[in-house]
């Protein structure tokens, strides 16, 4: 069964200090506790991160650190009027 989790992470742009809300979509075939998602997100909240790095680090956090098999993680954010989408597949 395919399961999709949607959540948000707010990070700070290292270049200009803007707070950016990223919409995150995580696709998997296992159940992930919402509390685990929220706890993992706290590791990134309000820290300086480029979106590309956030995407890689979220993937690593779920896949490697917490052993949740991830099929795909997608982040979507808008910075200075430009919408950016990053995708990390298994």
N, C-alpha and C. Protein backbone atom coordinates (compact mmCIF):
# COMPACT_ATOMS: atom_id res chain seq x y z
N UNK A 1 0.85 -1.18 0.00
CA UNK A 1 0.00 0.00 0.00
C UNK A 1 0.89 1.24 0.00
N UNK A 2 0.53 2.20 -0.81
CA UNK A 2 1.25 3.48 -0.85
C UNK A 2 0.63 4.41 0.18
N UNK A 3 1.48 4.99 1.00
CA UNK A 3 1.03 5.95 2.03
C UNK A 3 1.75 7.27 1.78
N UNK A 4 1.00 8.37 1.81
CA UNK A 4 1.57 9.69 1.61
C UNK A 4 1.33 10.54 2.85
N UNK A 5 2.39 11.13 3.36
CA UNK A 5 2.32 12.05 4.49
C UNK A 5 2.66 13.45 4.00
N UNK A 6 1.84 14.43 4.35
CA UNK A 6 2.10 15.83 4.00
C UNK A 6 2.27 16.63 5.29
N UNK A 7 3.34 17.42 5.35
CA UNK A 7 3.58 18.23 6.53
C UNK A 7 4.43 19.43 6.14
N UNK A 8 4.65 20.33 7.07
CA UNK A 8 5.41 21.56 6.82
C UNK A 8 6.62 21.65 7.72
N UNK A 9 7.66 22.27 7.19
CA UNK A 9 8.86 22.59 7.97
C UNK A 9 9.22 24.03 7.62
N UNK A 10 9.50 24.84 8.63
CA UNK A 10 9.94 26.21 8.41
C UNK A 10 11.43 26.29 8.69
N UNK A 11 12.18 26.77 7.70
CA UNK A 11 13.62 26.95 7.83
C UNK A 11 13.96 28.40 7.49
N UNK A 12 15.19 28.75 7.75
CA UNK A 12 15.68 30.11 7.47
C UNK A 12 16.68 30.04 6.33
N UNK A 13 16.49 30.91 5.33
CA UNK A 13 17.41 30.96 4.20
C UNK A 13 18.78 31.47 4.68
N UNK A 14 19.85 30.73 4.42
CA UNK A 14 21.18 31.17 4.84
C UNK A 14 21.65 32.45 4.15
N UNK A 15 21.08 32.78 2.98
CA UNK A 15 21.52 33.96 2.25
C UNK A 15 20.92 35.25 2.77
N UNK A 16 19.59 35.25 3.00
CA UNK A 16 18.96 36.52 3.37
C UNK A 16 18.15 36.48 4.67
N UNK A 17 18.15 35.34 5.37
CA UNK A 17 17.48 35.25 6.66
C UNK A 17 15.96 35.13 6.59
N UNK A 18 15.40 34.99 5.37
CA UNK A 18 13.95 34.86 5.24
C UNK A 18 13.48 33.52 5.79
N UNK A 19 12.38 33.54 6.55
CA UNK A 19 11.76 32.30 7.02
C UNK A 19 10.90 31.76 5.89
N UNK A 20 11.15 30.51 5.53
CA UNK A 20 10.45 29.89 4.40
C UNK A 20 9.73 28.64 4.89
N UNK A 21 8.44 28.56 4.56
CA UNK A 21 7.66 27.37 4.89
C UNK A 21 7.74 26.41 3.72
N UNK A 22 8.24 25.22 4.00
CA UNK A 22 8.33 24.18 2.99
C UNK A 22 7.21 23.18 3.19
N UNK A 23 6.50 22.88 2.12
CA UNK A 23 5.51 21.81 2.12
C UNK A 23 6.26 20.54 1.76
N UNK A 24 6.15 19.54 2.61
CA UNK A 24 6.88 18.29 2.42
C UNK A 24 5.88 17.17 2.16
N UNK A 25 6.17 16.36 1.16
CA UNK A 25 5.39 15.15 0.88
C UNK A 25 6.34 13.97 0.99
N UNK A 26 5.98 13.02 1.83
CA UNK A 26 6.77 11.82 2.04
C UNK A 26 5.94 10.63 1.56
N UNK A 27 6.48 9.85 0.64
CA UNK A 27 5.80 8.66 0.14
C UNK A 27 6.52 7.42 0.64
N UNK A 28 5.75 6.49 1.17
CA UNK A 28 6.31 5.28 1.75
C UNK A 28 5.29 4.15 1.64
N UNK A 29 5.69 2.99 2.09
CA UNK A 29 4.77 1.84 2.12
C UNK A 29 4.60 1.32 3.54
N UNK A 30 5.06 2.09 4.52
CA UNK A 30 4.94 1.69 5.93
C UNK A 30 4.25 2.80 6.71
N UNK A 31 3.71 2.42 7.84
CA UNK A 31 3.09 3.40 8.73
C UNK A 31 4.17 4.12 9.52
N UNK A 32 4.09 5.44 9.53
CA UNK A 32 5.00 6.27 10.33
C UNK A 32 4.14 7.02 11.34
N UNK A 33 4.51 6.94 12.58
CA UNK A 33 3.75 7.63 13.62
C UNK A 33 3.88 9.15 13.41
N UNK A 34 2.76 9.85 13.53
CA UNK A 34 2.77 11.30 13.36
C UNK A 34 3.73 11.93 14.36
N UNK A 35 3.78 11.41 15.55
CA UNK A 35 4.70 11.94 16.58
C UNK A 35 6.15 11.83 16.12
N UNK A 36 6.48 10.76 15.41
CA UNK A 36 7.84 10.61 14.88
C UNK A 36 8.13 11.66 13.81
N UNK A 37 7.14 11.91 12.96
CA UNK A 37 7.31 12.95 11.93
C UNK A 37 7.55 14.30 12.59
N UNK A 38 6.74 14.63 13.58
CA UNK A 38 6.88 15.93 14.25
C UNK A 38 8.20 16.04 14.98
N UNK A 39 8.64 14.99 15.63
CA UNK A 39 9.93 15.01 16.33
C UNK A 39 11.09 15.20 15.36
N UNK A 40 11.03 14.52 14.22
CA UNK A 40 12.09 14.66 13.23
C UNK A 40 12.11 16.07 12.64
N UNK A 41 10.93 16.63 12.44
CA UNK A 41 10.85 17.99 11.89
C UNK A 41 11.46 19.02 12.84
N UNK A 42 11.37 18.76 14.12
CA UNK A 42 11.93 19.70 15.10
C UNK A 42 13.44 19.81 14.96
N UNK A 43 14.08 18.79 14.40
CA UNK A 43 15.53 18.84 14.17
C UNK A 43 15.91 19.89 13.13
N UNK A 44 14.93 20.30 12.31
CA UNK A 44 15.19 21.22 11.21
C UNK A 44 14.52 22.57 11.38
N UNK A 45 13.55 22.64 12.26
CA UNK A 45 12.72 23.85 12.39
C UNK A 45 13.55 25.08 12.74
N UNK A 46 13.35 26.12 11.96
CA UNK A 46 13.95 27.45 12.16
C UNK A 46 15.48 27.44 12.13
N UNK A 47 16.06 26.44 11.49
CA UNK A 47 17.51 26.41 11.31
C UNK A 47 17.83 26.89 9.90
N UNK A 48 19.04 27.40 9.72
CA UNK A 48 19.46 27.85 8.39
C UNK A 48 19.71 26.64 7.51
N UNK A 49 18.94 26.56 6.43
CA UNK A 49 19.06 25.44 5.50
C UNK A 49 18.63 25.88 4.12
N UNK A 50 19.39 25.46 3.12
CA UNK A 50 18.92 25.57 1.75
C UNK A 50 17.93 24.44 1.52
N UNK A 51 16.97 24.65 0.65
CA UNK A 51 15.93 23.65 0.40
C UNK A 51 16.52 22.32 -0.08
N UNK A 52 17.51 22.40 -0.93
CA UNK A 52 18.13 21.19 -1.45
C UNK A 52 18.74 20.35 -0.32
N UNK A 53 19.38 21.03 0.63
CA UNK A 53 19.96 20.34 1.78
C UNK A 53 18.88 19.78 2.69
N UNK A 54 17.82 20.56 2.90
CA UNK A 54 16.70 20.09 3.73
C UNK A 54 16.12 18.81 3.16
N UNK A 55 15.92 18.76 1.85
CA UNK A 55 15.35 17.58 1.20
C UNK A 55 16.23 16.36 1.43
N UNK A 56 17.52 16.52 1.20
CA UNK A 56 18.47 15.42 1.42
C UNK A 56 18.49 14.98 2.87
N UNK A 57 18.49 15.94 3.79
CA UNK A 57 18.59 15.62 5.21
C UNK A 57 17.31 14.97 5.74
N UNK A 58 16.16 15.41 5.26
CA UNK A 58 14.91 14.74 5.66
C UNK A 58 14.92 13.30 5.18
N UNK A 59 15.32 13.09 3.95
CA UNK A 59 15.41 11.73 3.41
C UNK A 59 16.32 10.89 4.29
N UNK A 60 17.49 11.41 4.59
CA UNK A 60 18.46 10.68 5.43
C UNK A 60 17.87 10.40 6.82
N UNK A 61 17.21 11.39 7.40
CA UNK A 61 16.64 11.24 8.74
C UNK A 61 15.61 10.11 8.78
N UNK A 62 14.73 10.07 7.81
CA UNK A 62 13.70 9.02 7.79
C UNK A 62 14.30 7.67 7.37
N UNK A 63 15.05 7.66 6.29
CA UNK A 63 15.54 6.42 5.69
C UNK A 63 16.66 5.78 6.50
N UNK A 64 17.67 6.55 6.82
CA UNK A 64 18.87 5.98 7.44
C UNK A 64 18.83 5.98 8.96
N UNK A 65 18.49 7.11 9.55
CA UNK A 65 18.54 7.24 11.00
C UNK A 65 17.41 6.48 11.67
N UNK A 66 16.19 6.61 11.13
CA UNK A 66 15.03 6.01 11.78
C UNK A 66 14.51 4.76 11.08
N UNK A 67 15.20 4.33 10.02
CA UNK A 67 14.91 3.08 9.33
C UNK A 67 13.49 2.98 8.79
N UNK A 68 12.93 4.11 8.34
CA UNK A 68 11.65 4.10 7.64
C UNK A 68 11.94 4.07 6.15
N UNK A 69 11.53 3.03 5.45
CA UNK A 69 11.79 3.00 4.01
C UNK A 69 10.98 4.08 3.29
N UNK A 70 11.69 4.96 2.62
CA UNK A 70 11.08 6.08 1.93
C UNK A 70 11.18 5.86 0.43
N UNK A 71 10.05 5.97 -0.27
CA UNK A 71 10.07 5.89 -1.72
C UNK A 71 10.45 7.22 -2.35
N UNK A 72 9.95 8.31 -1.73
CA UNK A 72 10.21 9.63 -2.30
C UNK A 72 9.89 10.71 -1.26
N UNK A 73 10.71 11.76 -1.27
CA UNK A 73 10.43 12.96 -0.48
C UNK A 73 10.46 14.14 -1.44
N UNK A 74 9.43 14.97 -1.36
CA UNK A 74 9.34 16.16 -2.18
C UNK A 74 9.17 17.36 -1.27
N UNK A 75 9.95 18.41 -1.52
CA UNK A 75 9.76 19.68 -0.80
C UNK A 75 9.37 20.74 -1.82
N UNK A 76 8.49 21.62 -1.40
CA UNK A 76 8.04 22.73 -2.24
C UNK A 76 8.07 23.99 -1.38
N UNK A 77 8.75 25.01 -1.88
CA UNK A 77 8.82 26.27 -1.15
C UNK A 77 8.89 27.44 -2.12
N UNK A 78 8.49 28.61 -1.63
CA UNK A 78 8.56 29.82 -2.44
C UNK A 78 9.49 30.80 -1.75
N UNK A 79 10.51 31.23 -2.49
CA UNK A 79 11.50 32.16 -1.95
C UNK A 79 11.64 33.32 -2.93
N UNK A 80 11.32 34.51 -2.44
CA UNK A 80 11.38 35.73 -3.25
C UNK A 80 10.57 35.59 -4.54
N UNK A 81 9.41 34.95 -4.42
CA UNK A 81 8.51 34.82 -5.56
C UNK A 81 8.80 33.66 -6.50
N UNK A 82 9.85 32.90 -6.21
CA UNK A 82 10.21 31.77 -7.05
C UNK A 82 9.85 30.48 -6.32
N UNK A 83 9.00 29.65 -6.93
CA UNK A 83 8.64 28.36 -6.33
C UNK A 83 9.66 27.32 -6.76
N UNK A 84 10.16 26.60 -5.77
CA UNK A 84 11.20 25.59 -5.99
C UNK A 84 10.64 24.25 -5.53
N UNK A 85 10.86 23.22 -6.34
CA UNK A 85 10.44 21.86 -5.99
C UNK A 85 11.68 20.97 -6.05
N UNK A 86 11.94 20.26 -4.95
CA UNK A 86 13.05 19.30 -4.91
C UNK A 86 12.45 17.92 -4.64
N UNK A 87 12.94 16.92 -5.36
CA UNK A 87 12.48 15.55 -5.19
C UNK A 87 13.67 14.63 -4.97
N UNK A 88 13.52 13.77 -3.98
CA UNK A 88 14.54 12.76 -3.70
C UNK A 88 13.85 11.41 -3.74
N UNK A 89 14.26 10.57 -4.70
CA UNK A 89 13.70 9.22 -4.85
C UNK A 89 14.65 8.19 -4.25
N UNK A 90 14.09 7.07 -3.93
CA UNK A 90 14.88 5.94 -3.44
C UNK A 90 15.87 5.50 -4.49
